[in-house]
Amino acid sequence: MRVINSLKKHLAQAKVGLSDHRIDLVRRLVCALLQVRCVNLMKVATAMVGPAEKMSRYRRLQRFFSSDLSPALFTELILRKIVRPGQQLFLTFDRTHWQLGQVDLNILCLGLLYQGVSLPLEYLSLGKAGNSNTAERKKLIRRAWRYLKEYSCCLLADREFIGSDWFRFLLQQQGLEFIIRIRCEGWVTLASGKKQHLSTLVRTLPKGQTRHYAKVRLYDGAKAVGLNLVCHRPLKGDWVLLATNRADLTQILDTYKSRWSIETTFGFLKSKGFQLEDTHLTKPTRIHLLLGVLALCLLWGVLVGVLLHQQVPIKIKKHGRKAISLVRLGLDRLQEIIGNIDYQWKTFRHYCHLLLSCT
C-alpha cells in the first residue's frame, strides 16, 4: 500500500486537475502497468493493489477508459516536467499499425525528443491501413502548435512524411524548422536553373561524401516548393536525401543522424515495453487515453534511467551503443522497486518526486 499512497500524494501535489477518485485510479494503473509491462486490462487488473475483487478492478478500468478524460492532461505533465523557456524542441512523427480481428489499429503520433526517446504528445487513430495523409498530419501539428508555438521547434521525419502540400504547410508555421528525409524520386530545379533528377544528385556523389544545395525548387510545375537539400552517400547503406528549411546546411546531416539512434515511441510501447498490441481497446478516444498514460510511464522510465546513469554510467559496447537504453534501465528499475516496495519505499518516494516535482 505504501507504493500507492506515495504516488497518490505526489500526484495530488502536482495539481494535475483530477478528482481524488481519478487520482486514486491513475496511481494504481501506472504502478500496475509498470509491474506487468502489458496493457491487457485483465492482466493490469490482476496486478492492481486494492481490497476489491479482480473483476471489480477490471470494470473500474473499463469505466476509466470509457470516460471523457482527455489525454492532454498527460501531455501537460510531460511539458511541465521537461520543457524550459527558450529551449529548442525536436519533434518526430511515428506510426504503427496492427490488427485486432478485422479492425485496423493504425496510430499516428507526434513525439517530443528527450534523452534520445520520443515521448508521445499527440496521437491520431487513422481508422484504416496504410500511410497517413497530409490532412491527418496537419491535424496533429495544429493541435500541438497551440502550446508549442512559443518555442523554437525542429521536426525530424522519415520518407513517409513528404509531399508538396505538406512542405508548404510546414513552411507556413512560424518558428517551425524541419529536416525530412525524402525519396530519390522526381525532379529538382537548382539555384542555377538547372533541372536534375533527384537520384542523380546522390548517384554522382563519391562514397562517404555530402553535398549541399541551397534554394532549390523541389517537384515540378504548380507543386514546386522552395527548400534546401542535403545529399549524402554513405560508405554502406542507402542514400540519404534531406529536405529542410534550415540555413545551417553543414549541420543538417549530424542533426538528422540523431534520429537514427532514437528509440522510437512505439518500440517501447510495443515489444520492448508495454505490449501495446495486446490491448483490446479499439475506439480512438480509449486508445488515445491509454497512450497518454503510457507516455507518463515512459517519461518516468527516462527520468529514472537518467538518474541511474548519472550514478553508475551505462557501459558502452564495441559498436558504440549503450548496453541498455536509458528508458529500459529506468523501467526495469521501477518494476523492481514496485515489486520490493517494503524494502525500498524511500527510493520509490524519491522516484515519485523525480516525476511529479515542477523543478
Foldseek 3Di string as FASTA:
>chain_A
DLQQVLLLVLVVVLPLPDDSVVSSLLSQQLLLCLQVLADALLSSLVSGDDDDDSVVSSVVLVVVLVDPDALQSLLVLVCLQPPDQADEWEKEWDWDWDDDVPWIFIKIFIFTDDQLETFGNDMDGPRDDDADDLVVVVVRCVVVCVPPLSYQYEYEYEASQDFLVNVVVQVPRPNYKYKYWHDQAAWKQAPVRDIDRSVVVAVPDDAADKDKTAFMWGHDDPSTDTWIWMWHHHPDDDTTIITIRDDPNVCSVVVNVSNVSHCYDVNQCPDVGHNVVSYPDDDGSSVSNVSSSVSLSQVLLLLQLVVVCVVPNFDADPVGHGPDRSSSNSSVVSNVCSVVVVVCVVVSSVSSCSSSPSD
